[in-house]
Amino acid sequence: MRVRTLIAASLASLTFFSAKPARAYDMDCAIMLCMAGGFPSSAVCAAAYAEMIRRITPWPSRPPFGICTFAAVPVALGGTGGEGELDISTPDYAWLRKTRVLWWRSRHWDSGRDDQEYWSWSLRSCDHENRNCRYLSRGFSSTSPWPDSFTTENGQVIAPPDSGRWWFFSRAVMVEYGDYEGNVDHSGWQRY
């Protein structure tokens, strides 16, 4: 009797622990599918949006989503059990390649000597894997404040985070994404 109970408990724990990876696949797929639809109002897309923001706000930041593909889902979970990844270089995934992670850093200070104020800022844009980054705008020890808006690589005009021009130091991150129709949108700025 003890052996059967032990075997049953072992199988139950294996089933319990093997189900957890499915959630990771499900969330990555939910993020990508909701992003393709422009994050429509629903409980699933609200959770997917929150997870995407949660992934980019800690330091070091993680990519906003992973690869969603049935090729990598284990056979026990209904997938093919393969090692393949989704090839997003095809025209069908042009909307996904528009995903950019935008990083904002700013600093404002008074020199203390000649009552002159200085501003420094940078706005970086990285691909959906948080690699291949480039500066969209930056200024160092400028005597004039940072601009009121910036144009992204996807052609959106966005304002810097609403921190006012007088904060000593500020940093924030946002995700810019495209939907399946080619429209581009962005999340709000998230401070970290």
N, C-alpha and C. Protein backbone atom coordinates (compact mmCIF):
# COMPACT_ATOMS: atom_id res chain seq x y z
N MET A 1 0.82 -1.20 0.00
CA MET A 1 0.00 0.00 0.00
C MET A 1 0.87 1.27 0.00
N ARG A 2 1.93 1.22 0.80
CA ARG A 2 2.81 2.39 0.87
C ARG A 2 3.48 2.65 -0.47
N VAL A 3 3.84 1.59 -1.17
CA VAL A 3 4.50 1.75 -2.46
C VAL A 3 3.55 2.41 -3.45
N ARG A 4 2.30 1.98 -3.48
CA ARG A 4 1.32 2.58 -4.39
C ARG A 4 1.09 4.05 -4.05
N THR A 5 1.00 4.35 -2.79
CA THR A 5 0.81 5.74 -2.37
C THR A 5 2.02 6.59 -2.78
N LEU A 6 3.20 6.04 -2.58
CA LEU A 6 4.42 6.76 -2.96
C LEU A 6 4.48 6.98 -4.48
N ILE A 7 4.12 5.97 -5.26
CA ILE A 7 4.11 6.10 -6.71
C ILE A 7 3.07 7.13 -7.14
N ALA A 8 1.88 7.08 -6.54
CA ALA A 8 0.83 8.04 -6.88
C ALA A 8 1.26 9.47 -6.54
N ALA A 9 1.89 9.63 -5.38
CA ALA A 9 2.36 10.97 -4.99
C ALA A 9 3.45 11.45 -5.93
N SER A 10 4.35 10.54 -6.35
CA SER A 10 5.42 10.91 -7.28
C SER A 10 4.85 11.35 -8.63
N LEU A 11 3.88 10.58 -9.14
CA LEU A 11 3.27 10.94 -10.42
C LEU A 11 2.50 12.26 -10.32
N ALA A 12 1.82 12.46 -9.21
CA ALA A 12 1.08 13.72 -9.02
C ALA A 12 2.05 14.90 -8.98
N SER A 13 3.17 14.72 -8.28
CA SER A 13 4.13 15.83 -8.20
C SER A 13 4.78 16.08 -9.56
N LEU A 14 5.05 15.01 -10.33
CA LEU A 14 5.61 15.20 -11.67
C LEU A 14 4.63 15.94 -12.56
N THR A 15 3.36 15.58 -12.48
CA THR A 15 2.34 16.27 -13.26
C THR A 15 2.26 17.73 -12.84
N PHE A 16 2.30 17.97 -11.54
CA PHE A 16 2.22 19.34 -11.02
C PHE A 16 3.41 20.17 -11.49
N PHE A 17 4.63 19.62 -11.39
CA PHE A 17 5.81 20.38 -11.76
C PHE A 17 5.99 20.51 -13.27
N SER A 18 5.50 19.55 -14.04
CA SER A 18 5.65 19.67 -15.49
C SER A 18 4.65 20.64 -16.10
N ALA A 19 3.59 21.01 -15.37
CA ALA A 19 2.60 21.94 -15.89
C ALA A 19 3.09 23.39 -15.84
N LYS A 20 4.04 23.69 -14.98
CA LYS A 20 4.50 25.07 -14.86
C LYS A 20 5.11 25.64 -16.13
N PRO A 21 5.93 24.89 -16.87
CA PRO A 21 6.47 25.47 -18.10
C PRO A 21 5.40 25.87 -19.11
N ALA A 22 4.25 25.20 -19.08
CA ALA A 22 3.18 25.55 -20.01
C ALA A 22 2.74 26.98 -19.81
N ARG A 23 2.74 27.45 -18.57
CA ARG A 23 2.34 28.83 -18.31
C ARG A 23 3.28 29.81 -18.99
N ALA A 24 4.58 29.50 -19.00
CA ALA A 24 5.54 30.39 -19.67
C ALA A 24 5.25 30.45 -21.16
N TYR A 25 4.99 29.31 -21.77
CA TYR A 25 4.66 29.31 -23.20
C TYR A 25 3.36 30.07 -23.43
N ASP A 26 2.38 29.83 -22.58
CA ASP A 26 1.09 30.49 -22.74
C ASP A 26 1.23 32.01 -22.63
N MET A 27 2.03 32.50 -21.68
CA MET A 27 2.16 33.94 -21.49
C MET A 27 2.90 34.59 -22.66
N ASP A 28 3.96 33.95 -23.15
CA ASP A 28 4.67 34.50 -24.31
C ASP A 28 3.74 34.56 -25.52
N CYS A 29 2.95 33.52 -25.71
CA CYS A 29 2.00 33.51 -26.82
C CYS A 29 0.93 34.59 -26.61
N ALA A 30 0.46 34.73 -25.37
CA ALA A 30 -0.55 35.75 -25.08
C ALA A 30 -0.01 37.15 -25.35
N ILE A 31 1.22 37.40 -24.95
CA ILE A 31 1.82 38.72 -25.19
C ILE A 31 1.88 38.99 -26.69
N MET A 32 2.37 38.01 -27.46
CA MET A 32 2.50 38.22 -28.90
C MET A 32 1.14 38.38 -29.57
N LEU A 33 0.17 37.55 -29.20
CA LEU A 33 -1.15 37.63 -29.83
C LEU A 33 -1.87 38.93 -29.44
N CYS A 34 -1.79 39.30 -28.17
CA CYS A 34 -2.44 40.55 -27.75
C CYS A 34 -1.75 41.76 -28.38
N MET A 35 -0.42 41.70 -28.50
CA MET A 35 0.32 42.78 -29.15
C MET A 35 -0.12 42.91 -30.60
N ALA A 36 -0.30 41.77 -31.27
CA ALA A 36 -0.73 41.80 -32.67
C ALA A 36 -2.08 42.48 -32.81
N GLY A 37 -2.92 42.36 -31.80
CA GLY A 37 -4.24 43.00 -31.83
C GLY A 37 -4.25 44.38 -31.21
N GLY A 38 -3.09 44.91 -30.81
CA GLY A 38 -3.02 46.23 -30.19
C GLY A 38 -3.45 46.21 -28.74
N PHE A 39 -3.28 45.08 -28.04
CA PHE A 39 -3.68 44.90 -26.65
C PHE A 39 -5.14 45.30 -26.43
N PRO A 40 -6.07 44.55 -27.06
CA PRO A 40 -7.49 44.86 -26.86
C PRO A 40 -7.90 44.64 -25.40
N SER A 41 -9.01 45.24 -25.00
CA SER A 41 -9.49 45.13 -23.62
C SER A 41 -9.98 43.71 -23.35
N SER A 42 -9.28 43.02 -22.48
CA SER A 42 -9.69 41.70 -22.01
C SER A 42 -8.81 41.35 -20.82
N ALA A 43 -9.26 40.41 -20.02
CA ALA A 43 -8.48 40.00 -18.86
C ALA A 43 -7.15 39.37 -19.29
N VAL A 44 -7.18 38.56 -20.35
CA VAL A 44 -5.97 37.90 -20.83
C VAL A 44 -4.96 38.94 -21.33
N CYS A 45 -5.41 39.89 -22.13
CA CYS A 45 -4.49 40.89 -22.68
C CYS A 45 -4.01 41.86 -21.61
N ALA A 46 -4.83 42.14 -20.60
CA ALA A 46 -4.38 42.99 -19.49
C ALA A 46 -3.26 42.27 -18.73
N ALA A 47 -3.42 40.97 -18.51
CA ALA A 47 -2.37 40.20 -17.84
C ALA A 47 -1.11 40.11 -18.70
N ALA A 48 -1.28 39.94 -20.01
CA ALA A 48 -0.14 39.88 -20.92
C ALA A 48 0.62 41.20 -20.94
N TYR A 49 -0.11 42.31 -20.97
CA TYR A 49 0.51 43.64 -20.95
C TYR A 49 1.28 43.84 -19.65
N ALA A 50 0.67 43.48 -18.52
CA ALA A 50 1.33 43.63 -17.22
C ALA A 50 2.60 42.78 -17.15
N GLU A 51 2.54 41.57 -17.69
CA GLU A 51 3.72 40.70 -17.70
C GLU A 51 4.82 41.28 -18.58
N MET A 52 4.47 41.84 -19.73
CA MET A 52 5.45 42.45 -20.61
C MET A 52 6.16 43.61 -19.88
N ILE A 53 5.40 44.45 -19.21
CA ILE A 53 5.99 45.57 -18.47
C ILE A 53 6.83 45.06 -17.30
N ARG A 54 6.36 44.01 -16.62
CA ARG A 54 7.11 43.45 -15.49
C ARG A 54 8.47 42.94 -15.95
N ARG A 55 8.53 42.39 -17.14
CA ARG A 55 9.80 41.84 -17.64
C ARG A 55 10.82 42.92 -17.98
N ILE A 56 10.38 44.09 -18.39
CA ILE A 56 11.35 45.11 -18.80
C ILE A 56 11.73 46.07 -17.69
N THR A 57 11.03 46.05 -16.55
CA THR A 57 11.32 47.06 -15.53
C THR A 57 12.41 46.71 -14.53
N PRO A 58 12.74 45.45 -14.24
CA PRO A 58 13.85 45.24 -13.32
C PRO A 58 15.19 45.47 -14.00
N TRP A 59 16.24 45.52 -13.24
CA TRP A 59 17.56 45.64 -13.84
C TRP A 59 18.38 44.44 -13.41
N PRO A 60 19.00 43.69 -14.29
CA PRO A 60 18.98 43.92 -15.73
C PRO A 60 17.63 43.51 -16.31
N SER A 61 17.24 44.21 -17.31
CA SER A 61 15.95 44.00 -17.95
C SER A 61 15.96 42.72 -18.77
N ARG A 62 14.80 42.08 -18.86
CA ARG A 62 14.63 40.93 -19.74
C ARG A 62 13.88 41.37 -20.99
N PRO A 63 13.96 40.61 -22.07
CA PRO A 63 13.16 40.95 -23.25
C PRO A 63 11.68 40.96 -22.90
N PRO A 64 10.86 41.77 -23.59
CA PRO A 64 9.44 41.89 -23.24
C PRO A 64 8.64 40.61 -23.47
N PHE A 65 9.14 39.70 -24.29
CA PHE A 65 8.49 38.41 -24.49
C PHE A 65 9.49 37.44 -25.07
N GLY A 66 9.17 36.15 -24.93
CA GLY A 66 10.01 35.11 -25.51
C GLY A 66 9.41 34.64 -26.82
N ILE A 67 9.95 33.59 -27.35
CA ILE A 67 9.45 33.05 -28.60
C ILE A 67 8.26 32.15 -28.31
N CYS A 68 7.19 32.37 -29.01
CA CYS A 68 5.96 31.60 -28.88
C CYS A 68 5.91 30.64 -30.07
N THR A 69 6.07 29.37 -29.80
CA THR A 69 6.01 28.41 -30.90
C THR A 69 5.63 27.04 -30.37
N PHE A 70 4.76 26.36 -31.07
CA PHE A 70 4.41 25.00 -30.69
C PHE A 70 5.58 24.05 -30.94
N ALA A 71 6.53 24.45 -31.76
CA ALA A 71 7.66 23.57 -32.04
C ALA A 71 8.46 23.26 -30.78
N ALA A 72 8.50 24.18 -29.83
CA ALA A 72 9.29 23.97 -28.63
C ALA A 72 8.46 23.48 -27.45
N VAL A 73 7.17 23.30 -27.62
CA VAL A 73 6.32 22.81 -26.53
C VAL A 73 6.50 21.30 -26.42
N PRO A 74 6.74 20.78 -25.20
CA PRO A 74 6.92 19.33 -25.02
C PRO A 74 5.71 18.54 -25.52
N VAL A 75 5.96 17.31 -25.97
CA VAL A 75 4.89 16.44 -26.46
C VAL A 75 3.85 16.22 -25.38
N ALA A 76 4.28 16.07 -24.11
CA ALA A 76 3.35 15.84 -23.01
C ALA A 76 2.35 16.98 -22.85
N LEU A 77 2.71 18.17 -23.35
CA LEU A 77 1.82 19.32 -23.24
C LEU A 77 1.09 19.61 -24.54
N GLY A 78 1.17 18.69 -25.50
CA GLY A 78 0.42 18.84 -26.74
C GLY A 78 1.22 19.42 -27.89
N GLY A 79 2.51 19.67 -27.71
CA GLY A 79 3.32 20.22 -28.78
C GLY A 79 4.06 19.13 -29.54
N THR A 80 4.97 19.55 -30.40
CA THR A 80 5.73 18.59 -31.21
C THR A 80 7.00 18.15 -30.52
N GLY A 81 7.41 18.84 -29.47
CA GLY A 81 8.61 18.45 -28.73
C GLY A 81 9.90 18.83 -29.42
N GLY A 82 9.82 19.65 -30.44
CA GLY A 82 11.01 20.03 -31.19
C GLY A 82 11.83 21.10 -30.50
N GLU A 83 12.90 21.48 -31.14
CA GLU A 83 13.80 22.50 -30.62
C GLU A 83 13.68 23.80 -31.40
N GLY A 84 12.82 23.84 -32.38
CA GLY A 84 12.76 24.98 -33.28
C GLY A 84 12.25 26.24 -32.63
N GLU A 85 12.60 27.36 -33.23
CA GLU A 85 12.09 28.66 -32.82
C GLU A 85 11.33 29.28 -33.98
N LEU A 86 10.50 30.20 -33.65
CA LEU A 86 9.72 30.91 -34.65
C LEU A 86 10.63 31.81 -35.47
N ASP A 87 10.56 31.73 -36.78
CA ASP A 87 11.36 32.58 -37.66
C ASP A 87 10.58 33.86 -37.93
N ILE A 88 10.99 34.97 -37.28
CA ILE A 88 10.25 36.22 -37.43
C ILE A 88 10.81 37.09 -38.56
N SER A 89 11.70 36.54 -39.37
CA SER A 89 12.25 37.32 -40.48
C SER A 89 11.34 37.33 -41.70
N THR A 90 10.26 36.55 -41.67
CA THR A 90 9.35 36.49 -42.82
C THR A 90 8.42 37.71 -42.82
N PRO A 91 7.85 38.06 -43.97
CA PRO A 91 6.96 39.22 -44.04
C PRO A 91 5.75 39.14 -43.12
N ASP A 92 5.32 37.91 -42.78
CA ASP A 92 4.17 37.75 -41.89
C ASP A 92 4.41 38.35 -40.51
N TYR A 93 5.67 38.48 -40.11
CA TYR A 93 6.00 38.97 -38.78
C TYR A 93 6.62 40.36 -38.80
N ALA A 94 6.35 41.14 -39.83
CA ALA A 94 6.88 42.51 -39.90
C ALA A 94 6.38 43.32 -38.71
N TRP A 95 5.13 43.09 -38.28
CA TRP A 95 4.58 43.81 -37.13
C TRP A 95 5.38 43.52 -35.86
N LEU A 96 5.87 42.29 -35.71
CA LEU A 96 6.62 41.93 -34.51
C LEU A 96 8.01 42.56 -34.51
N ARG A 97 8.59 42.72 -35.68
CA ARG A 97 9.92 43.33 -35.76
C ARG A 97 9.88 44.83 -35.45
N LYS A 98 8.70 45.43 -35.40
CA LYS A 98 8.58 46.85 -35.04
C LYS A 98 8.70 47.07 -33.53
N THR A 99 8.70 46.00 -32.76
CA THR A 99 8.79 46.12 -31.31
C THR A 99 10.13 46.73 -30.92
N ARG A 100 10.07 47.79 -30.14
CA ARG A 100 11.27 48.47 -29.65
C ARG A 100 11.10 48.72 -28.16
N VAL A 101 12.19 48.62 -27.42
CA VAL A 101 12.20 48.98 -26.00
C VAL A 101 12.93 50.31 -25.90
N LEU A 102 12.24 51.33 -25.39
CA LEU A 102 12.80 52.68 -25.31
C LEU A 102 13.23 52.97 -23.87
N TRP A 103 14.46 53.42 -23.72
CA TRP A 103 15.06 53.70 -22.41
C TRP A 103 15.31 55.19 -22.28
N TRP A 104 14.83 55.79 -21.20
CA TRP A 104 15.00 57.21 -20.93
C TRP A 104 15.84 57.40 -19.67
N ARG A 105 16.81 58.29 -19.74
CA ARG A 105 17.60 58.71 -18.57
C ARG A 105 17.77 60.21 -18.65
N SER A 106 17.58 60.88 -17.54
CA SER A 106 17.76 62.34 -17.54
C SER A 106 18.32 62.79 -16.20
N ARG A 107 18.96 63.92 -16.24
CA ARG A 107 19.53 64.52 -15.04
C ARG A 107 19.46 66.03 -15.19
N HIS A 108 19.13 66.70 -14.10
CA HIS A 108 19.06 68.16 -14.08
C HIS A 108 19.77 68.65 -12.83
N TRP A 109 20.59 69.68 -12.96
CA TRP A 109 21.29 70.20 -11.79
C TRP A 109 21.63 71.67 -11.98
N ASP A 110 21.90 72.28 -10.86
CA ASP A 110 22.31 73.68 -10.81
C ASP A 110 23.80 73.69 -10.50
N SER A 111 24.57 74.47 -11.25
CA SER A 111 26.03 74.45 -11.08
C SER A 111 26.45 74.98 -9.72
N GLY A 112 25.62 75.84 -9.12
CA GLY A 112 25.97 76.37 -7.81
C GLY A 112 26.92 77.55 -7.85
N ARG A 113 27.62 77.73 -8.94
CA ARG A 113 28.58 78.82 -9.02
C ARG A 113 28.00 80.05 -9.70
N ASP A 114 27.46 79.85 -10.88
CA ASP A 114 26.99 80.99 -11.67
C ASP A 114 25.48 80.96 -11.88
N ASP A 115 24.77 80.25 -11.03
CA ASP A 115 23.32 80.09 -11.13
C ASP A 115 22.89 79.55 -12.50
N GLN A 116 23.76 78.82 -13.14
CA GLN A 116 23.45 78.21 -14.43
C GLN A 116 22.90 76.80 -14.20
N GLU A 117 21.80 76.46 -14.90
CA GLU A 117 21.23 75.13 -14.82
C GLU A 117 21.71 74.31 -16.01
N TYR A 118 21.84 72.99 -15.79
CA TYR A 118 22.29 72.08 -16.84
C TYR A 118 21.35 70.88 -16.93
N TRP A 119 21.22 70.34 -18.13
CA TRP A 119 20.40 69.18 -18.39
C TRP A 119 21.21 68.17 -19.19
N SER A 120 21.08 66.92 -18.83
CA SER A 120 21.63 65.81 -19.62
C SER A 120 20.52 64.80 -19.79
N TRP A 121 20.46 64.16 -20.96
CA TRP A 121 19.43 63.17 -21.21
C TRP A 121 19.89 62.21 -22.30
N SER A 122 19.24 61.05 -22.32
CA SER A 122 19.45 60.11 -23.42
C SER A 122 18.18 59.29 -23.62
N LEU A 123 17.88 59.01 -24.87
CA LEU A 123 16.76 58.14 -25.24
C LEU A 123 17.34 57.08 -26.17
N ARG A 124 17.37 55.81 -25.67
CA ARG A 124 17.89 54.70 -26.46
C ARG A 124 16.74 53.83 -26.93
N SER A 125 16.91 53.22 -28.08
CA SER A 125 15.93 52.31 -28.66
C SER A 125 16.61 50.98 -28.92
N CYS A 126 16.01 49.88 -28.37
CA CYS A 126 16.57 48.54 -28.53
C CYS A 126 15.53 47.64 -29.18
N ASP A 127 15.98 46.58 -29.84
CA ASP A 127 15.05 45.65 -30.47
C ASP A 127 14.30 44.82 -29.43
N HIS A 128 13.42 43.92 -29.89
CA HIS A 128 12.56 43.16 -28.98
C HIS A 128 13.33 42.22 -28.07
N GLU A 129 14.59 41.98 -28.33
CA GLU A 129 15.41 41.16 -27.44
C GLU A 129 16.28 42.02 -26.53
N ASN A 130 16.07 43.33 -26.54
CA ASN A 130 16.86 44.29 -25.78
C ASN A 130 18.33 44.27 -26.20
N ARG A 131 18.55 44.05 -27.47
CA ARG A 131 19.88 44.11 -28.07
C ARG A 131 19.81 45.09 -29.22
N ASN A 132 20.91 45.25 -29.91
CA ASN A 132 20.95 46.14 -31.07
C ASN A 132 20.33 47.50 -30.75
N CYS A 133 20.93 48.17 -29.80
CA CYS A 133 20.43 49.46 -29.32
C CYS A 133 21.12 50.61 -30.05
N ARG A 134 20.40 51.73 -30.14
CA ARG A 134 20.99 52.95 -30.69
C ARG A 134 20.33 54.14 -30.00
N TYR A 135 21.06 55.25 -29.97
CA TYR A 135 20.54 56.47 -29.36
C TYR A 135 19.65 57.20 -30.36
N LEU A 136 18.45 57.57 -29.91
CA LEU A 136 17.58 58.41 -30.72
C LEU A 136 17.85 59.88 -30.46
N SER A 137 18.23 60.19 -29.22
CA SER A 137 18.52 61.57 -28.84
C SER A 137 19.35 61.55 -27.56
N ARG A 138 20.25 62.48 -27.46
CA ARG A 138 20.99 62.64 -26.20
C ARG A 138 21.65 64.01 -26.16
N GLY A 139 21.83 64.46 -24.97
CA GLY A 139 22.49 65.73 -24.75
C GLY A 139 23.25 65.66 -23.43
N PHE A 140 24.40 66.31 -23.37
CA PHE A 140 25.23 66.28 -22.18
C PHE A 140 25.53 67.70 -21.73
N SER A 141 25.24 67.97 -20.49
CA SER A 141 25.53 69.28 -19.88
C SER A 141 25.03 70.43 -20.75
N SER A 142 23.81 70.29 -21.24
CA SER A 142 23.21 71.32 -22.07
C SER A 142 22.68 72.45 -21.19
N THR A 143 22.73 73.66 -21.68
CA THR A 143 22.19 74.79 -20.93
C THR A 143 20.70 75.00 -21.24
N SER A 144 20.16 74.17 -22.13
CA SER A 144 18.72 74.21 -22.39
C SER A 144 18.13 72.83 -22.10
N PRO A 145 16.86 72.79 -21.69
CA PRO A 145 16.23 71.52 -21.33
C PRO A 145 16.09 70.57 -22.52
N TRP A 146 15.84 69.30 -22.21
CA TRP A 146 15.61 68.32 -23.28
C TRP A 146 14.37 68.69 -24.05
N PRO A 147 14.25 68.19 -25.29
CA PRO A 147 13.10 68.52 -26.14
C PRO A 147 11.77 68.05 -25.54
N ASP A 148 10.69 68.65 -26.00
CA ASP A 148 9.36 68.28 -25.53
C ASP A 148 8.86 66.98 -26.14
N SER A 149 9.46 66.53 -27.27
CA SER A 149 9.06 65.28 -27.90
C SER A 149 10.21 64.73 -28.73
N PHE A 150 10.10 63.45 -29.05
CA PHE A 150 11.10 62.75 -29.85
C PHE A 150 10.38 61.93 -30.91
N THR A 151 11.04 61.67 -32.01
CA THR A 151 10.49 60.79 -33.05
C THR A 151 11.22 59.46 -32.98
N THR A 152 10.45 58.37 -32.87
CA THR A 152 11.03 57.04 -32.75
C THR A 152 11.37 56.46 -34.12
N GLU A 153 12.01 55.31 -34.11
CA GLU A 153 12.36 54.64 -35.37
C GLU A 153 11.12 54.23 -36.16
N ASN A 154 10.00 54.04 -35.47
CA ASN A 154 8.74 53.69 -36.14
C ASN A 154 7.93 54.92 -36.53
N GLY A 155 8.50 56.11 -36.35
CA GLY A 155 7.84 57.35 -36.77
C GLY A 155 6.85 57.93 -35.78
N GLN A 156 6.76 57.39 -34.58
CA GLN A 156 5.87 57.96 -33.57
C GLN A 156 6.54 59.16 -32.90
N VAL A 157 5.75 60.15 -32.60
CA VAL A 157 6.23 61.29 -31.83
C VAL A 157 5.79 61.05 -30.39
N ILE A 158 6.76 60.95 -29.49
CA ILE A 158 6.45 60.68 -28.09
C ILE A 158 7.08 61.75 -27.21
N ALA A 159 6.44 61.98 -26.10
CA ALA A 159 6.96 62.93 -25.12
C ALA A 159 7.83 62.17 -24.12
N PRO A 160 8.83 62.84 -23.55
CA PRO A 160 9.61 62.17 -22.50
C PRO A 160 8.71 61.92 -21.29
N PRO A 161 9.15 61.11 -20.35
CA PRO A 161 8.33 60.85 -19.15
C PRO A 161 7.94 62.14 -18.47
N ASP A 162 6.77 62.15 -17.92
CA ASP A 162 6.25 63.35 -17.26
C ASP A 162 6.88 63.49 -15.88
N SER A 163 8.16 63.85 -15.89
CA SER A 163 8.86 64.03 -14.62
C SER A 163 9.09 65.51 -14.36
N GLY A 164 8.63 66.34 -15.27
CA GLY A 164 8.94 67.75 -15.14
C GLY A 164 10.40 67.96 -15.52
N ARG A 165 10.76 69.15 -15.80
CA ARG A 165 12.13 69.44 -16.19
C ARG A 165 13.03 69.67 -14.98
N TRP A 166 12.48 69.55 -13.79
CA TRP A 166 13.24 70.00 -12.64
C TRP A 166 13.65 68.87 -11.72
N TRP A 167 13.39 67.63 -12.08
CA TRP A 167 13.83 66.51 -11.26
C TRP A 167 15.34 66.39 -11.35
N PHE A 168 15.95 65.96 -10.27
CA PHE A 168 17.40 65.79 -10.25
C PHE A 168 17.82 64.64 -11.16
N PHE A 169 17.16 63.46 -11.04
CA PHE A 169 17.52 62.30 -11.85
C PHE A 169 16.25 61.51 -12.16
N SER A 170 16.14 61.01 -13.38
CA SER A 170 14.96 60.25 -13.78
C SER A 170 15.37 59.17 -14.78
N ARG A 171 14.75 58.02 -14.67
CA ARG A 171 14.92 56.98 -15.68
C ARG A 171 13.62 56.23 -15.84
N ALA A 172 13.33 55.81 -17.05
CA ALA A 172 12.07 55.13 -17.34
C ALA A 172 12.24 54.28 -18.59
N VAL A 173 11.28 53.40 -18.82
CA VAL A 173 11.30 52.49 -19.97
C VAL A 173 9.89 52.35 -20.52
N MET A 174 9.78 52.16 -21.82
CA MET A 174 8.49 51.90 -22.47
C MET A 174 8.70 50.91 -23.60
N VAL A 175 7.61 50.28 -24.04
CA VAL A 175 7.66 49.37 -25.18
C VAL A 175 6.85 49.98 -26.31
N GLU A 176 7.45 50.03 -27.49
CA GLU A 176 6.77 50.47 -28.70
C GLU A 176 6.53 49.22 -29.53
N TYR A 177 5.33 49.04 -30.05
CA TYR A 177 5.00 47.80 -30.75
C TYR A 177 4.07 48.08 -31.92
N GLY A 178 4.07 47.15 -32.86
CA GLY A 178 3.17 47.22 -34.01
C GLY A 178 2.12 46.13 -33.91
N ASP A 179 0.98 46.34 -34.56
CA ASP A 179 -0.04 45.29 -34.60
C ASP A 179 -0.05 44.66 -35.99
N TYR A 180 -0.87 43.66 -36.18
CA TYR A 180 -0.86 42.92 -37.45
C TYR A 180 -1.31 43.75 -38.64
N GLU A 181 -1.98 44.88 -38.40
CA GLU A 181 -2.41 45.76 -39.49
C GLU A 181 -1.36 46.81 -39.83
N GLY A 182 -0.27 46.83 -39.09
CA GLY A 182 0.80 47.79 -39.35
C GLY A 182 0.73 49.05 -38.50
N ASN A 183 -0.28 49.18 -37.65
CA ASN A 183 -0.38 50.33 -36.75
C ASN A 183 0.66 50.21 -35.64
N VAL A 184 1.20 51.33 -35.23
CA VAL A 184 2.21 51.35 -34.17
C VAL A 184 1.64 52.07 -32.97
N ASP A 185 1.91 51.54 -31.79
CA ASP A 185 1.45 52.13 -30.54
C ASP A 185 2.57 51.95 -29.51
N HIS A 186 2.35 52.42 -28.31
CA HIS A 186 3.36 52.25 -27.26
C HIS A 186 2.69 52.19 -25.90
N SER A 187 3.41 51.56 -24.96
CA SER A 187 2.95 51.54 -23.58
C SER A 187 3.24 52.89 -22.97
N GLY A 188 2.82 53.08 -21.74
CA GLY A 188 3.20 54.28 -21.01
C GLY A 188 4.62 54.13 -20.48
N TRP A 189 5.21 55.23 -20.05
CA TRP A 189 6.53 55.17 -19.42
C TRP A 189 6.41 54.48 -18.07
N GLN A 190 7.35 53.60 -17.76
CA GLN A 190 7.41 52.93 -16.47
C GLN A 190 8.71 53.32 -15.80
N ARG A 191 8.65 53.90 -14.61
CA ARG A 191 9.85 54.28 -13.89
C ARG A 191 10.46 53.05 -13.22
N TYR A 192 11.76 53.03 -13.12
CA TYR A 192 12.42 51.93 -12.44
C TYR A 192 13.61 52.47 -11.67
